Amino acid sequence: MIGNIFSWTVTALFGVITLLLAFESWALLTNHTPISNYIRSSVHSYPGEAFVIAVVIGILLGHFLWGPAWGRTSPQGMKP
């Protein structure tokens, strides 16, 4: 059950990322304001918070992409 929830969560995350990238491309091609302009102004206004968010995202990505060598999400499966 938990593996199924994890799988759907990751699928939804990649779906949202794909939609955001599609919007960014559309905005650049049609001369609308892209998302990166909003992000850039927010980072300049709140550099400390932006740094903390970047560190947390990096830690989470590192945890899930380079996690334990065994376990539920590992290609090796559960530890014997």
C-alpha atoms as a PDB file:
ATOM      1  CA  MET A   1       0.000   0.000   0.000  1.00  0.00           C
ATOM      2  CA  ILE A   2       2.713   2.504   0.961  1.00  0.00           C
ATOM      3  CA  GLY A   3       4.677   1.709  -2.200  1.00  0.00           C
ATOM      4  CA  ASN A   4       1.578   2.479  -4.252  1.00  0.00           C
ATOM      5  CA  ILE A   5       1.133   5.879  -2.547  1.00  0.00           C
ATOM      6  CA  PHE A   6       4.824   6.648  -3.057  1.00  0.00           C
ATOM      7  CA  SER A   7       4.556   5.727  -6.734  1.00  0.00           C
ATOM      8  CA  TRP A   8       1.513   7.942  -7.289  1.00  0.00           C
ATOM      9  CA  THR A   9       3.134  10.835  -5.420  1.00  0.00           C
ATOM     10  CA  VAL A  10       6.274  10.666  -7.554  1.00  0.00           C
ATOM     11  CA  THR A  11       4.182  10.386 -10.732  1.00  0.00           C
ATOM     12  CA  ALA A  12       2.146  13.438  -9.723  1.00  0.00           C
ATOM     13  CA  LEU A  13       5.315  15.386  -8.891  1.00  0.00           C
ATOM     14  CA  PHE A  14       6.812  14.683 -12.315  1.00  0.00           C
ATOM     15  CA  GLY A  15       3.482  15.588 -13.930  1.00  0.00           C
ATOM     16  CA  VAL A  16       3.458  18.974 -12.178  1.00  0.00           C
ATOM     17  CA  ILE A  17       7.087  19.597 -13.160  1.00  0.00           C
ATOM     18  CA  THR A  18       6.246  18.766 -16.786  1.00  0.00           C
ATOM     19  CA  LEU A  19       3.311  21.185 -16.757  1.00  0.00           C
ATOM     20  CA  LEU A  20       5.449  23.952 -15.231  1.00  0.00           C
ATOM     21  CA  LEU A  21       8.134  23.431 -17.887  1.00  0.00           C
ATOM     22  CA  ALA A  22       5.481  23.488 -20.623  1.00  0.00           C
ATOM     23  CA  PHE A  23       4.094  26.768 -19.250  1.00  0.00           C
ATOM     24  CA  GLU A  24       7.594  28.260 -19.063  1.00  0.00           C
ATOM     25  CA  SER A  25       8.224  27.321 -22.709  1.00  0.00           C
ATOM     26  CA  TRP A  26       4.872  28.715 -23.796  1.00  0.00           C
ATOM     27  CA  ALA A  27       5.497  31.970 -21.906  1.00  0.00           C
ATOM     28  CA  LEU A  28       8.915  32.415 -23.501  1.00  0.00           C
ATOM     29  CA  LEU A  29       7.605  31.704 -26.995  1.00  0.00           C
ATOM     30  CA  THR A  30       4.604  34.050 -26.709  1.00  0.00           C
ATOM     31  CA  ASN A  31       6.328  36.922 -24.848  1.00  0.00           C
ATOM     32  CA  HIS A  32       4.367  36.440 -21.623  1.00  0.00           C
ATOM     33  CA  THR A  33       5.980  36.664 -18.178  1.00  0.00           C
ATOM     34  CA  PRO A  34       7.661  33.321 -17.395  1.00  0.00           C
ATOM     35  CA  ILE A  35       7.752  31.729 -13.952  1.00  0.00           C
ATOM     36  CA  SER A  36      11.499  32.335 -13.705  1.00  0.00           C
ATOM     37  CA  ASN A  37      10.920  36.107 -13.521  1.00  0.00           C
ATOM     38  CA  TYR A  38       8.748  35.646 -10.421  1.00  0.00           C
ATOM     39  CA  ILE A  39      11.292  33.287  -8.853  1.00  0.00           C
ATOM     40  CA  ARG A  40      14.173  35.669  -9.574  1.00  0.00           C
ATOM     41  CA  SER A  41      12.432  38.644  -7.939  1.00  0.00           C
ATOM     42  CA  SER A  42      11.499  36.519  -4.905  1.00  0.00           C
ATOM     43  CA  VAL A  43      15.088  35.341  -4.481  1.00  0.00           C
ATOM     44  CA  HIS A  44      16.353  38.928  -4.626  1.00  0.00           C
ATOM     45  CA  SER A  45      13.747  40.017  -2.065  1.00  0.00           C
ATOM     46  CA  TYR A  46      14.266  37.106   0.354  1.00  0.00           C
ATOM     47  CA  PRO A  47      17.766  35.637  -0.149  1.00  0.00           C
ATOM     48  CA  GLY A  48      17.939  33.868   3.216  1.00  0.00           C
ATOM     49  CA  GLU A  49      14.640  32.063   2.781  1.00  0.00           C
ATOM     50  CA  ALA A  50      15.582  31.137  -0.797  1.00  0.00           C
ATOM     51  CA  PHE A  51      18.841  29.636   0.449  1.00  0.00           C
ATOM     52  CA  VAL A  52      17.055  27.580   3.109  1.00  0.00           C
ATOM     53  CA  ILE A  53      14.501  26.315   0.567  1.00  0.00           C
ATOM     54  CA  ALA A  54      17.293  25.365  -1.857  1.00  0.00           C
ATOM     55  CA  VAL A  55      19.156  23.465   0.878  1.00  0.00           C
ATOM     56  CA  VAL A  56      16.008  21.591   1.957  1.00  0.00           C
ATOM     57  CA  ILE A  57      15.180  20.635  -1.645  1.00  0.00           C
ATOM     58  CA  GLY A  58      18.761  19.468  -2.139  1.00  0.00           C
ATOM     59  CA  ILE A  59      18.650  17.363   1.013  1.00  0.00           C
ATOM     60  CA  LEU A  60      15.346  15.767   0.004  1.00  0.00           C
ATOM     61  CA  LEU A  61      16.556  15.023  -3.531  1.00  0.00           C
ATOM     62  CA  GLY A  62      19.770  13.571  -2.179  1.00  0.00           C
ATOM     63  CA  HIS A  63      17.875  11.436   0.309  1.00  0.00           C
ATOM     64  CA  PHE A  64      15.511   9.951  -2.259  1.00  0.00           C
ATOM     65  CA  LEU A  65      17.905   9.674  -5.207  1.00  0.00           C
ATOM     66  CA  TRP A  66      20.925   8.412  -3.256  1.00  0.00           C
ATOM     67  CA  GLY A  67      19.157   6.782  -0.345  1.00  0.00           C
ATOM     68  CA  PRO A  68      19.863   3.518   1.416  1.00  0.00           C
ATOM     69  CA  ALA A  69      21.252   0.520  -0.446  1.00  0.00           C
ATOM     70  CA  TRP A  70      18.330  -1.603   0.780  1.00  0.00           C
ATOM     71  CA  GLY A  71      14.722  -1.021   1.676  1.00  0.00           C
ATOM     72  CA  ARG A  72      11.341  -0.555   0.091  1.00  0.00           C
ATOM     73  CA  THR A  73      12.514   1.943  -2.557  1.00  0.00           C
ATOM     74  CA  SER A  74      15.826   0.252  -3.327  1.00  0.00           C
ATOM     75  CA  PRO A  75      16.396  -1.815  -6.469  1.00  0.00           C
ATOM     76  CA  GLN A  76      18.017  -4.458  -4.222  1.00  0.00           C
ATOM     77  CA  GLY A  77      14.846  -4.933  -2.183  1.00  0.00           C
ATOM     78  CA  MET A  78      14.666  -5.557   1.541  1.00  0.00           C
ATOM     79  CA  LYS A  79      17.831  -6.392   3.487  1.00  0.00           C
ATOM     80  CA  PRO A  80      18.188 -10.150   4.076  1.00  0.00           C
END
